[in-house]
Amino acid sequence: MQHSQTDKTLALAGIYQAAILVKAIATTGNVADAHLASILETLFRFDANKVMDVYGDVSTVKKGLKVLSDQLSGNTENMDMDITRYVIKLLHLEKALRKSPQMMDKLSDELEKTQSKVDYFHVSHENIVASLADIYQQNISPIGAKIMVQGEEIYLSQNNNANKIRALLFAGIRSAVLWRQCGGSRLQLLFSRKKYIESARQLLK
């Protein structure tokens, strides 16, 4: 299936969105429940026919689109190296996962099991977040270099925040997988930046 530049931009923005929320929790201890829920819901949209269906609406990745545009345009005033680092690390983890189809199948199975809980709890409920964090910690963390999240120890040491961060990293991996499926590559980020920037700006209109 041929994917458009819009599809690739949405998926890349999904990675950025997850990274932005990770930083927010690590540095402030807070993230809007609606923002957390909307990106975590992407983990359970297994049979989406279109990329937009995975995210539901552009608003899900609105912050991601803005930061993506700023970062790729070389806007040093708004450059955030923590977010850039998280995005790069998530792409590295996706690459490692791609080499293990068995692990991808296992993750799908684990998510399907967790889906039954979502029928009873909201996706951002602490029980669901804890389940997603556990799946990430047990299955994804061991396959590559650990993502070192920078922030305030007072927030990072809280178990609920640690779970949210792991769940968000899991959602970032989901978007990274989708981006690759859409034909995204790191070479494009070097040589096709203008296409991503223009697409992001169009989506933000």
N, C-alpha and C. Protein backbone atom coordinates (compact mmCIF):
# COMPACT_ATOMS: atom_id res chain seq x y z
N MET A 1 0.83 -1.20 0.00
CA MET A 1 0.00 0.00 0.00
C MET A 1 0.87 1.26 0.00
N GLN A 2 0.55 2.19 -0.90
CA GLN A 2 1.31 3.43 -1.00
C GLN A 2 0.86 4.40 0.08
N HIS A 3 1.81 4.95 0.81
CA HIS A 3 1.48 5.91 1.86
C HIS A 3 1.94 7.30 1.45
N SER A 4 1.14 8.27 1.82
CA SER A 4 1.43 9.66 1.45
C SER A 4 2.42 10.30 2.42
N GLN A 5 2.89 11.48 2.03
CA GLN A 5 3.75 12.25 2.92
C GLN A 5 3.00 12.62 4.20
N THR A 6 1.71 12.86 4.07
CA THR A 6 0.89 13.16 5.25
C THR A 6 0.90 12.01 6.23
N ASP A 7 0.80 10.78 5.72
CA ASP A 7 0.83 9.60 6.59
C ASP A 7 2.15 9.53 7.35
N LYS A 8 3.24 9.72 6.63
CA LYS A 8 4.56 9.65 7.26
C LYS A 8 4.74 10.76 8.30
N THR A 9 4.22 11.92 7.99
CA THR A 9 4.35 13.05 8.92
C THR A 9 3.53 12.82 10.18
N LEU A 10 2.33 12.29 10.03
CA LEU A 10 1.50 11.98 11.20
C LEU A 10 2.18 10.97 12.11
N ALA A 11 2.73 9.92 11.51
CA ALA A 11 3.38 8.88 12.31
C ALA A 11 4.62 9.42 13.02
N LEU A 12 5.41 10.23 12.31
CA LEU A 12 6.59 10.83 12.93
C LEU A 12 6.18 11.77 14.06
N ALA A 13 5.11 12.52 13.84
CA ALA A 13 4.60 13.41 14.89
C ALA A 13 4.14 12.62 16.11
N GLY A 14 3.67 11.39 15.88
CA GLY A 14 3.28 10.53 17.00
C GLY A 14 4.46 10.20 17.89
N ILE A 15 5.63 10.00 17.28
CA ILE A 15 6.85 9.74 18.06
C ILE A 15 7.21 10.98 18.87
N TYR A 16 7.16 12.13 18.21
CA TYR A 16 7.46 13.39 18.90
C TYR A 16 6.48 13.65 20.03
N GLN A 17 5.20 13.37 19.78
CA GLN A 17 4.17 13.61 20.80
C GLN A 17 4.48 12.80 22.06
N ALA A 18 4.82 11.54 21.89
CA ALA A 18 5.16 10.70 23.04
C ALA A 18 6.38 11.25 23.77
N ALA A 19 7.39 11.69 23.02
CA ALA A 19 8.61 12.23 23.62
C ALA A 19 8.32 13.51 24.41
N ILE A 20 7.45 14.35 23.86
CA ILE A 20 7.08 15.60 24.53
C ILE A 20 6.41 15.32 25.87
N LEU A 21 5.50 14.35 25.88
CA LEU A 21 4.78 14.01 27.12
C LEU A 21 5.71 13.36 28.14
N VAL A 22 6.66 12.57 27.66
CA VAL A 22 7.67 11.98 28.56
C VAL A 22 8.42 13.10 29.27
N LYS A 23 8.86 14.09 28.50
CA LYS A 23 9.61 15.19 29.11
C LYS A 23 8.75 15.97 30.10
N ALA A 24 7.48 16.18 29.76
CA ALA A 24 6.59 16.93 30.65
C ALA A 24 6.46 16.25 32.00
N ILE A 25 6.28 14.94 31.99
CA ILE A 25 6.16 14.20 33.25
C ILE A 25 7.47 14.24 34.03
N ALA A 26 8.58 14.06 33.32
CA ALA A 26 9.89 14.01 33.98
C ALA A 26 10.29 15.34 34.60
N THR A 27 9.84 16.43 34.02
CA THR A 27 10.29 17.75 34.49
C THR A 27 9.25 18.51 35.30
N THR A 28 7.97 18.15 35.15
CA THR A 28 6.92 18.86 35.90
C THR A 28 6.04 17.93 36.73
N GLY A 29 6.09 16.64 36.41
CA GLY A 29 5.23 15.69 37.12
C GLY A 29 3.80 15.70 36.64
N ASN A 30 3.52 16.51 35.62
CA ASN A 30 2.14 16.65 35.15
C ASN A 30 2.02 16.45 33.65
N VAL A 31 0.90 15.88 33.26
CA VAL A 31 0.52 15.81 31.85
C VAL A 31 -1.00 15.73 31.82
N ALA A 32 -1.61 16.45 30.89
CA ALA A 32 -3.07 16.43 30.79
C ALA A 32 -3.55 15.02 30.52
N ASP A 33 -4.57 14.60 31.25
CA ASP A 33 -5.08 13.24 31.09
C ASP A 33 -5.55 12.99 29.66
N ALA A 34 -6.14 14.00 29.04
CA ALA A 34 -6.62 13.84 27.66
C ALA A 34 -5.47 13.59 26.71
N HIS A 35 -4.34 14.27 26.92
CA HIS A 35 -3.17 14.07 26.06
C HIS A 35 -2.57 12.68 26.27
N LEU A 36 -2.51 12.26 27.52
CA LEU A 36 -2.00 10.92 27.83
C LEU A 36 -2.88 9.86 27.19
N ALA A 37 -4.18 9.99 27.39
CA ALA A 37 -5.12 8.98 26.89
C ALA A 37 -5.08 8.88 25.37
N SER A 38 -5.07 10.02 24.69
CA SER A 38 -5.16 10.00 23.23
C SER A 38 -3.97 9.30 22.58
N ILE A 39 -2.77 9.47 23.15
CA ILE A 39 -1.60 8.81 22.55
C ILE A 39 -1.53 7.34 22.98
N LEU A 40 -1.98 7.01 24.20
CA LEU A 40 -1.98 5.61 24.62
C LEU A 40 -3.01 4.80 23.83
N GLU A 41 -4.09 5.43 23.42
CA GLU A 41 -5.12 4.73 22.65
C GLU A 41 -4.58 4.20 21.32
N THR A 42 -3.52 4.82 20.80
CA THR A 42 -2.95 4.35 19.53
C THR A 42 -2.42 2.92 19.65
N LEU A 43 -2.08 2.51 20.86
CA LEU A 43 -1.56 1.15 21.07
C LEU A 43 -2.62 0.09 20.82
N PHE A 44 -3.89 0.48 20.90
CA PHE A 44 -4.97 -0.50 20.80
C PHE A 44 -5.74 -0.41 19.49
N ARG A 45 -5.28 0.42 18.57
CA ARG A 45 -5.96 0.52 17.28
C ARG A 45 -5.25 -0.41 16.30
N PHE A 46 -5.52 -1.70 16.48
CA PHE A 46 -4.80 -2.74 15.72
C PHE A 46 -5.18 -2.79 14.25
N ASP A 47 -6.46 -2.58 13.97
CA ASP A 47 -6.98 -2.83 12.62
C ASP A 47 -7.35 -1.55 11.88
N ALA A 48 -6.68 -0.46 12.19
CA ALA A 48 -6.98 0.81 11.52
C ALA A 48 -6.68 0.70 10.03
N ASN A 49 -7.59 1.21 9.21
CA ASN A 49 -7.40 1.16 7.76
C ASN A 49 -6.53 2.29 7.25
N LYS A 50 -6.51 3.39 7.99
CA LYS A 50 -5.73 4.56 7.59
C LYS A 50 -4.89 5.04 8.76
N VAL A 51 -3.80 5.72 8.43
CA VAL A 51 -2.93 6.24 9.49
C VAL A 51 -3.69 7.20 10.39
N MET A 52 -4.52 8.05 9.79
CA MET A 52 -5.29 9.00 10.60
C MET A 52 -6.19 8.27 11.59
N ASP A 53 -6.66 7.08 11.21
CA ASP A 53 -7.52 6.31 12.12
C ASP A 53 -6.77 5.86 13.37
N VAL A 54 -5.46 5.68 13.26
CA VAL A 54 -4.66 5.29 14.42
C VAL A 54 -4.69 6.40 15.47
N TYR A 55 -4.62 7.64 15.00
CA TYR A 55 -4.56 8.78 15.91
C TYR A 55 -5.93 9.38 16.20
N GLY A 56 -6.90 9.05 15.38
CA GLY A 56 -8.25 9.54 15.60
C GLY A 56 -8.48 10.93 15.06
N ASP A 57 -7.52 11.81 15.33
CA ASP A 57 -7.67 13.21 14.95
C ASP A 57 -6.29 13.87 15.00
N VAL A 58 -6.12 14.92 14.23
CA VAL A 58 -4.84 15.64 14.23
C VAL A 58 -4.50 16.17 15.62
N SER A 59 -5.52 16.49 16.41
CA SER A 59 -5.28 17.05 17.75
C SER A 59 -4.45 16.12 18.63
N THR A 60 -4.51 14.81 18.36
CA THR A 60 -3.74 13.84 19.14
C THR A 60 -2.24 14.11 19.04
N VAL A 61 -1.80 14.57 17.88
CA VAL A 61 -0.36 14.80 17.67
C VAL A 61 -0.04 16.26 17.38
N LYS A 62 -0.90 17.16 17.81
CA LYS A 62 -0.73 18.59 17.50
C LYS A 62 0.60 19.13 18.01
N LYS A 63 0.92 18.85 19.27
CA LYS A 63 2.19 19.31 19.82
C LYS A 63 3.36 18.67 19.09
N GLY A 64 3.20 17.40 18.75
CA GLY A 64 4.25 16.69 18.03
C GLY A 64 4.52 17.31 16.67
N LEU A 65 3.47 17.71 15.97
CA LEU A 65 3.63 18.35 14.66
C LEU A 65 4.37 19.68 14.79
N LYS A 66 4.03 20.45 15.81
CA LYS A 66 4.67 21.76 16.01
C LYS A 66 6.16 21.58 16.32
N VAL A 67 6.48 20.68 17.24
CA VAL A 67 7.88 20.48 17.62
C VAL A 67 8.66 19.85 16.47
N LEU A 68 8.04 18.90 15.77
CA LEU A 68 8.68 18.29 14.59
C LEU A 68 9.08 19.37 13.59
N SER A 69 8.15 20.27 13.31
CA SER A 69 8.41 21.35 12.35
C SER A 69 9.56 22.24 12.83
N ASP A 70 9.55 22.59 14.11
CA ASP A 70 10.61 23.44 14.66
C ASP A 70 11.97 22.75 14.61
N GLN A 71 11.98 21.48 15.02
CA GLN A 71 13.25 20.75 15.09
C GLN A 71 13.87 20.54 13.70
N LEU A 72 13.04 20.13 12.74
CA LEU A 72 13.56 19.85 11.40
C LEU A 72 13.92 21.11 10.63
N SER A 73 13.32 22.23 11.00
CA SER A 73 13.64 23.49 10.31
C SER A 73 14.89 24.14 10.86
N GLY A 74 15.46 23.53 11.92
CA GLY A 74 16.69 24.07 12.50
C GLY A 74 16.46 25.31 13.32
N ASN A 75 15.24 25.43 13.86
CA ASN A 75 14.90 26.58 14.71
C ASN A 75 15.58 26.40 16.06
N THR A 76 16.81 26.92 16.18
CA THR A 76 17.60 26.69 17.40
C THR A 76 16.97 27.31 18.63
N GLU A 77 16.19 28.36 18.44
CA GLU A 77 15.55 29.03 19.57
C GLU A 77 14.60 28.08 20.29
N ASN A 78 13.93 27.22 19.50
CA ASN A 78 12.97 26.28 20.08
C ASN A 78 13.50 24.84 20.12
N MET A 79 14.79 24.67 19.86
CA MET A 79 15.36 23.33 19.83
C MET A 79 15.38 22.71 21.23
N ASP A 80 14.94 21.49 21.32
CA ASP A 80 14.93 20.78 22.61
C ASP A 80 15.69 19.48 22.42
N MET A 81 16.91 19.43 22.94
CA MET A 81 17.77 18.28 22.70
C MET A 81 17.28 17.03 23.43
N ASP A 82 16.59 17.19 24.55
CA ASP A 82 16.04 16.02 25.25
C ASP A 82 15.03 15.31 24.36
N ILE A 83 14.13 16.08 23.76
CA ILE A 83 13.10 15.49 22.90
C ILE A 83 13.74 14.84 21.67
N THR A 84 14.72 15.53 21.08
CA THR A 84 15.43 14.96 19.94
C THR A 84 16.08 13.62 20.31
N ARG A 85 16.68 13.59 21.48
CA ARG A 85 17.36 12.37 21.94
C ARG A 85 16.36 11.24 22.15
N TYR A 86 15.21 11.55 22.74
CA TYR A 86 14.20 10.51 22.96
C TYR A 86 13.69 9.95 21.63
N VAL A 87 13.46 10.84 20.66
CA VAL A 87 12.99 10.40 19.34
C VAL A 87 14.01 9.48 18.68
N ILE A 88 15.28 9.86 18.73
CA ILE A 88 16.34 9.04 18.13
C ILE A 88 16.42 7.67 18.82
N LYS A 89 16.32 7.66 20.14
CA LYS A 89 16.38 6.40 20.89
C LYS A 89 15.19 5.51 20.56
N LEU A 90 14.02 6.11 20.40
CA LEU A 90 12.83 5.33 20.05
C LEU A 90 12.99 4.71 18.66
N LEU A 91 13.59 5.44 17.74
CA LEU A 91 13.84 4.89 16.40
C LEU A 91 14.85 3.75 16.46
N HIS A 92 15.84 3.86 17.35
CA HIS A 92 16.81 2.77 17.52
C HIS A 92 16.12 1.51 18.06
N LEU A 93 15.22 1.71 19.03
CA LEU A 93 14.51 0.56 19.60
C LEU A 93 13.60 -0.09 18.57
N GLU A 94 12.96 0.73 17.74
CA GLU A 94 12.11 0.18 16.69
C GLU A 94 12.93 -0.67 15.74
N LYS A 95 14.14 -0.20 15.42
CA LYS A 95 15.02 -0.96 14.52
C LYS A 95 15.38 -2.30 15.12
N ALA A 96 15.66 -2.31 16.43
CA ALA A 96 15.98 -3.56 17.11
C ALA A 96 14.78 -4.50 17.12
N LEU A 97 13.59 -3.94 17.34
CA LEU A 97 12.37 -4.75 17.34
C LEU A 97 12.11 -5.37 15.98
N ARG A 98 12.40 -4.60 14.92
CA ARG A 98 12.16 -5.08 13.57
C ARG A 98 12.93 -6.35 13.27
N LYS A 99 14.04 -6.54 13.96
CA LYS A 99 14.87 -7.73 13.75
C LYS A 99 14.34 -8.94 14.51
N SER A 100 13.26 -8.74 15.27
CA SER A 100 12.71 -9.84 16.07
C SER A 100 11.20 -9.95 15.87
N PRO A 101 10.79 -10.60 14.77
CA PRO A 101 9.35 -10.77 14.51
C PRO A 101 8.63 -11.47 15.66
N GLN A 102 9.34 -12.39 16.34
CA GLN A 102 8.72 -13.10 17.46
C GLN A 102 8.34 -12.13 18.58
N MET A 103 9.21 -11.15 18.83
CA MET A 103 8.93 -10.16 19.86
C MET A 103 7.75 -9.29 19.45
N MET A 104 7.68 -8.93 18.17
CA MET A 104 6.55 -8.14 17.68
C MET A 104 5.25 -8.88 17.89
N ASP A 105 5.27 -10.19 17.62
CA ASP A 105 4.07 -11.01 17.83
C ASP A 105 3.71 -11.07 19.31
N LYS A 106 4.72 -11.18 20.16
CA LYS A 106 4.47 -11.24 21.59
C LYS A 106 3.85 -9.93 22.09
N LEU A 107 4.36 -8.82 21.61
CA LEU A 107 3.81 -7.52 22.01
C LEU A 107 2.36 -7.40 21.59
N SER A 108 2.05 -7.86 20.38
CA SER A 108 0.66 -7.84 19.91
C SER A 108 -0.24 -8.67 20.82
N ASP A 109 0.25 -9.84 21.21
CA ASP A 109 -0.52 -10.71 22.11
C ASP A 109 -0.75 -10.03 23.46
N GLU A 110 0.29 -9.41 23.99
CA GLU A 110 0.18 -8.74 25.29
C GLU A 110 -0.81 -7.58 25.22
N LEU A 111 -0.78 -6.85 24.13
CA LEU A 111 -1.71 -5.72 23.97
C LEU A 111 -3.14 -6.20 23.84
N GLU A 112 -3.34 -7.31 23.16
CA GLU A 112 -4.69 -7.86 23.03
C GLU A 112 -5.24 -8.29 24.39
N LYS A 113 -4.37 -8.84 25.23
CA LYS A 113 -4.79 -9.21 26.59
C LYS A 113 -5.16 -7.96 27.39
N THR A 114 -4.36 -6.92 27.24
CA THR A 114 -4.61 -5.68 27.98
C THR A 114 -5.87 -5.00 27.47
N GLN A 115 -6.19 -5.19 26.20
CA GLN A 115 -7.39 -4.59 25.61
C GLN A 115 -8.64 -4.94 26.41
N SER A 116 -8.70 -6.16 26.92
CA SER A 116 -9.88 -6.58 27.69
C SER A 116 -10.06 -5.73 28.95
N LYS A 117 -8.93 -5.26 29.51
CA LYS A 117 -9.02 -4.40 30.70
C LYS A 117 -9.52 -3.00 30.33
N VAL A 118 -9.16 -2.56 29.12
CA VAL A 118 -9.58 -1.23 28.68
C VAL A 118 -11.09 -1.16 28.56
N ASP A 119 -11.73 -2.31 28.36
CA ASP A 119 -13.19 -2.34 28.29
C ASP A 119 -13.82 -1.99 29.63
N TYR A 120 -13.05 -2.14 30.72
CA TYR A 120 -13.56 -1.86 32.07
C TYR A 120 -12.98 -0.58 32.65
N PHE A 121 -11.74 -0.26 32.28
CA PHE A 121 -11.09 0.95 32.79
C PHE A 121 -10.79 1.89 31.63
N HIS A 122 -10.67 3.18 31.93
CA HIS A 122 -10.23 4.14 30.93
C HIS A 122 -8.77 3.85 30.60
N VAL A 123 -8.37 4.15 29.37
CA VAL A 123 -7.01 3.80 28.93
C VAL A 123 -5.93 4.49 29.76
N SER A 124 -6.26 5.62 30.38
CA SER A 124 -5.26 6.31 31.20
C SER A 124 -5.38 5.96 32.68
N HIS A 125 -6.26 5.00 33.00
CA HIS A 125 -6.39 4.54 34.39
C HIS A 125 -5.06 3.93 34.83
N GLU A 126 -4.72 4.12 36.10
CA GLU A 126 -3.41 3.66 36.58
C GLU A 126 -3.19 2.17 36.38
N ASN A 127 -4.25 1.37 36.41
CA ASN A 127 -4.10 -0.08 36.18
C ASN A 127 -3.66 -0.38 34.75
N ILE A 128 -4.26 0.33 33.79
CA ILE A 128 -3.89 0.14 32.38
C ILE A 128 -2.48 0.65 32.13
N VAL A 129 -2.19 1.83 32.67
CA VAL A 129 -0.86 2.42 32.50
C VAL A 129 0.20 1.50 33.07
N ALA A 130 -0.09 0.92 34.24
CA ALA A 130 0.87 0.00 34.87
C ALA A 130 1.07 -1.25 34.01
N SER A 131 0.00 -1.75 33.40
CA SER A 131 0.12 -2.92 32.52
C SER A 131 0.98 -2.61 31.30
N LEU A 132 0.74 -1.45 30.70
CA LEU A 132 1.53 -1.06 29.52
C LEU A 132 3.00 -0.85 29.89
N ALA A 133 3.22 -0.24 31.05
CA ALA A 133 4.59 -0.03 31.52
C ALA A 133 5.31 -1.36 31.73
N ASP A 134 4.58 -2.33 32.26
CA ASP A 134 5.18 -3.64 32.51
C ASP A 134 5.53 -4.35 31.20
N ILE A 135 4.63 -4.24 30.21
CA ILE A 135 4.92 -4.84 28.91
C ILE A 135 6.18 -4.23 28.32
N TYR A 136 6.29 -2.92 28.42
CA TYR A 136 7.47 -2.22 27.90
C TYR A 136 8.73 -2.67 28.64
N GLN A 137 8.66 -2.67 29.95
CA GLN A 137 9.83 -2.99 30.77
C GLN A 137 10.30 -4.42 30.57
N GLN A 138 9.35 -5.35 30.46
CA GLN A 138 9.70 -6.76 30.35
C GLN A 138 10.14 -7.16 28.94
N ASN A 139 9.64 -6.47 27.94
CA ASN A 139 9.87 -6.93 26.57
C ASN A 139 10.71 -6.00 25.70
N ILE A 140 10.55 -4.70 25.86
CA ILE A 140 11.24 -3.76 24.98
C ILE A 140 12.55 -3.27 25.59
N SER A 141 12.53 -2.94 26.87
CA SER A 141 13.74 -2.42 27.52
C SER A 141 14.97 -3.31 27.33
N PRO A 142 14.81 -4.65 27.42
CA PRO A 142 16.01 -5.51 27.32
C PRO A 142 16.64 -5.60 25.93
N ILE A 143 15.92 -5.18 24.87
CA ILE A 143 16.43 -5.43 23.52
C ILE A 143 17.39 -4.36 23.01
N GLY A 144 17.48 -3.24 23.71
CA GLY A 144 18.37 -2.18 23.24
C GLY A 144 18.85 -1.33 24.39
N ALA A 145 19.63 -0.30 24.06
CA ALA A 145 20.13 0.60 25.09
C ALA A 145 18.96 1.28 25.80
N LYS A 146 19.02 1.30 27.11
CA LYS A 146 17.95 1.89 27.90
C LYS A 146 17.85 3.38 27.62
N ILE A 147 16.62 3.88 27.51
CA ILE A 147 16.42 5.31 27.31
C ILE A 147 16.51 6.00 28.67
N MET A 148 17.53 6.83 28.83
CA MET A 148 17.73 7.55 30.08
C MET A 148 16.93 8.84 30.03
N VAL A 149 15.89 8.90 30.83
CA VAL A 149 15.01 10.07 30.86
C VAL A 149 15.55 11.08 31.87
N GLN A 150 15.74 12.30 31.40
CA GLN A 150 16.26 13.37 32.25
C GLN A 150 15.09 14.15 32.86
N GLY A 151 15.23 14.51 34.13
CA GLY A 151 14.17 15.28 34.77
C GLY A 151 14.46 15.50 36.24
N GLU A 152 13.41 15.83 36.97
CA GLU A 152 13.52 16.07 38.41
C GLU A 152 13.31 14.77 39.17
N GLU A 153 14.23 14.45 40.05
CA GLU A 153 14.16 13.19 40.80
C GLU A 153 12.86 13.06 41.58
N ILE A 154 12.34 14.18 42.08
CA ILE A 154 11.10 14.15 42.86
C ILE A 154 9.94 13.60 42.03
N TYR A 155 9.98 13.82 40.72
CA TYR A 155 8.93 13.31 39.84
C TYR A 155 9.28 11.92 39.31
N LEU A 156 10.53 11.73 38.93
CA LEU A 156 10.95 10.45 38.35
C LEU A 156 10.86 9.31 39.35
N SER A 157 10.99 9.62 40.64
CA SER A 157 10.98 8.58 41.67
C SER A 157 9.57 8.10 42.02
N GLN A 158 8.56 8.80 41.54
CA GLN A 158 7.18 8.40 41.82
C GLN A 158 6.76 7.28 40.87
N ASN A 159 6.27 6.20 41.43
CA ASN A 159 5.95 5.01 40.64
C ASN A 159 4.94 5.29 39.53
N ASN A 160 3.90 6.08 39.83
CA ASN A 160 2.90 6.39 38.81
C ASN A 160 3.51 7.13 37.63
N ASN A 161 4.43 8.04 37.93
CA ASN A 161 5.09 8.78 36.85
C ASN A 161 6.01 7.88 36.04
N ALA A 162 6.73 6.99 36.73
CA ALA A 162 7.60 6.05 36.02
C ALA A 162 6.79 5.16 35.08
N ASN A 163 5.62 4.74 35.54
CA ASN A 163 4.74 3.91 34.71
C ASN A 163 4.24 4.69 33.50
N LYS A 164 3.86 5.95 33.71
CA LYS A 164 3.39 6.77 32.60
C LYS A 164 4.49 6.96 31.56
N ILE A 165 5.71 7.19 32.03
CA ILE A 165 6.83 7.38 31.11
C ILE A 165 7.07 6.13 30.28
N ARG A 166 7.06 4.96 30.91
CA ARG A 166 7.27 3.71 30.16
C ARG A 166 6.13 3.46 29.18
N ALA A 167 4.90 3.73 29.61
CA ALA A 167 3.75 3.54 28.72
C ALA A 167 3.85 4.48 27.52
N LEU A 168 4.29 5.70 27.76
CA LEU A 168 4.44 6.67 26.66
C LEU A 168 5.56 6.26 25.71
N LEU A 169 6.64 5.73 26.24
CA LEU A 169 7.72 5.24 25.38
C LEU A 169 7.22 4.09 24.52
N PHE A 170 6.36 3.26 25.08
CA PHE A 170 5.74 2.16 24.33
C PHE A 170 4.91 2.73 23.19
N ALA A 171 4.13 3.78 23.48
CA ALA A 171 3.33 4.42 22.44
C ALA A 171 4.23 5.06 21.38
N GLY A 172 5.37 5.58 21.82
CA GLY A 172 6.33 6.14 20.86
C GLY A 172 6.86 5.07 19.92
N ILE A 173 7.12 3.89 20.46
CA ILE A 173 7.56 2.75 19.64
C ILE A 173 6.48 2.38 18.63
N ARG A 174 5.23 2.41 19.06
CA ARG A 174 4.12 2.07 18.16
C ARG A 174 4.12 3.03 16.96
N SER A 175 4.30 4.33 17.23
CA SER A 175 4.35 5.30 16.14
C SER A 175 5.59 5.11 15.28
N ALA A 176 6.70 4.71 15.89
CA ALA A 176 7.93 4.47 15.12
C ALA A 176 7.74 3.29 14.16
N VAL A 177 7.07 2.24 14.64
CA VAL A 177 6.77 1.09 13.78
C VAL A 177 5.88 1.53 12.62
N LEU A 178 4.87 2.33 12.94
CA LEU A 178 3.95 2.82 11.91
C LEU A 178 4.69 3.68 10.89
N TRP A 179 5.59 4.52 11.36
CA TRP A 179 6.36 5.39 10.47
C TRP A 179 7.18 4.55 9.48
N ARG A 180 7.81 3.51 9.97
CA ARG A 180 8.58 2.61 9.09
C ARG A 180 7.65 1.93 8.08
N GLN A 181 6.48 1.50 8.55
CA GLN A 181 5.52 0.84 7.66
C GLN A 181 5.05 1.78 6.56
N CYS A 182 5.05 3.08 6.87
CA CYS A 182 4.64 4.09 5.88
C CYS A 182 5.76 4.46 4.92
N GLY A 183 6.94 3.87 5.14
CA GLY A 183 8.07 4.16 4.27
C GLY A 183 9.02 5.20 4.82
N GLY A 184 8.86 5.54 6.11
CA GLY A 184 9.75 6.51 6.74
C GLY A 184 11.14 5.94 6.94
N SER A 185 12.14 6.80 6.84
CA SER A 185 13.52 6.38 7.07
C SER A 185 14.32 7.57 7.60
N ARG A 186 15.43 7.26 8.25
CA ARG A 186 16.26 8.33 8.81
C ARG A 186 16.91 9.16 7.70
N LEU A 187 17.14 8.55 6.54
CA LEU A 187 17.70 9.31 5.42
C LEU A 187 16.74 10.41 4.99
N GLN A 188 15.43 10.12 5.06
CA GLN A 188 14.44 11.14 4.70
C GLN A 188 14.54 12.35 5.62
N LEU A 189 14.87 12.10 6.89
CA LEU A 189 14.97 13.20 7.84
C LEU A 189 16.16 14.11 7.51
N LEU A 190 17.11 13.56 6.76
CA LEU A 190 18.25 14.36 6.32
C LEU A 190 17.98 15.06 4.99
N PHE A 191 17.37 14.33 4.05
CA PHE A 191 17.25 14.84 2.69
C PHE A 191 15.84 15.30 2.29
N SER A 192 14.83 14.97 3.09
CA SER A 192 13.46 15.37 2.74
C SER A 192 12.80 16.17 3.87
N ARG A 193 13.62 16.93 4.57
CA ARG A 193 13.09 17.70 5.70
C ARG A 193 11.98 18.66 5.28
N LYS A 194 12.18 19.31 4.14
CA LYS A 194 11.21 20.31 3.70
C LYS A 194 9.83 19.69 3.50
N LYS A 195 9.80 18.45 3.01
CA LYS A 195 8.51 17.78 2.79
C LYS A 195 7.80 17.55 4.12
N TYR A 196 8.56 17.13 5.14
CA TYR A 196 7.97 16.91 6.46
C TYR A 196 7.51 18.22 7.07
N ILE A 197 8.32 19.25 6.94
CA ILE A 197 7.97 20.56 7.52
C ILE A 197 6.70 21.11 6.87
N GLU A 198 6.64 21.06 5.55
CA GLU A 198 5.47 21.57 4.84
C GLU A 198 4.22 20.76 5.18
N SER A 199 4.37 19.45 5.24
CA SER A 199 3.23 18.59 5.58
C SER A 199 2.74 18.87 7.00
N ALA A 200 3.68 19.05 7.93
CA ALA A 200 3.30 19.35 9.32
C ALA A 200 2.56 20.67 9.40
N ARG A 201 3.03 21.66 8.68
CA ARG A 201 2.37 22.98 8.70
C ARG A 201 0.99 22.92 8.09
N GLN A 202 0.82 22.11 7.05
CA GLN A 202 -0.50 21.95 6.44
C GLN A 202 -1.47 21.28 7.42
N LEU A 203 -0.98 20.29 8.13
CA LEU A 203 -1.83 19.58 9.10
C LEU A 203 -2.21 20.47 10.28
N LEU A 204 -1.36 21.44 10.60
CA LEU A 204 -1.62 22.34 11.72
C LEU A 204 -2.59 23.46 11.38
N LYS A 205 -2.88 23.64 10.09
CA LYS A 205 -3.79 24.73 9.68
C LYS A 205 -5.22 24.47 10.14
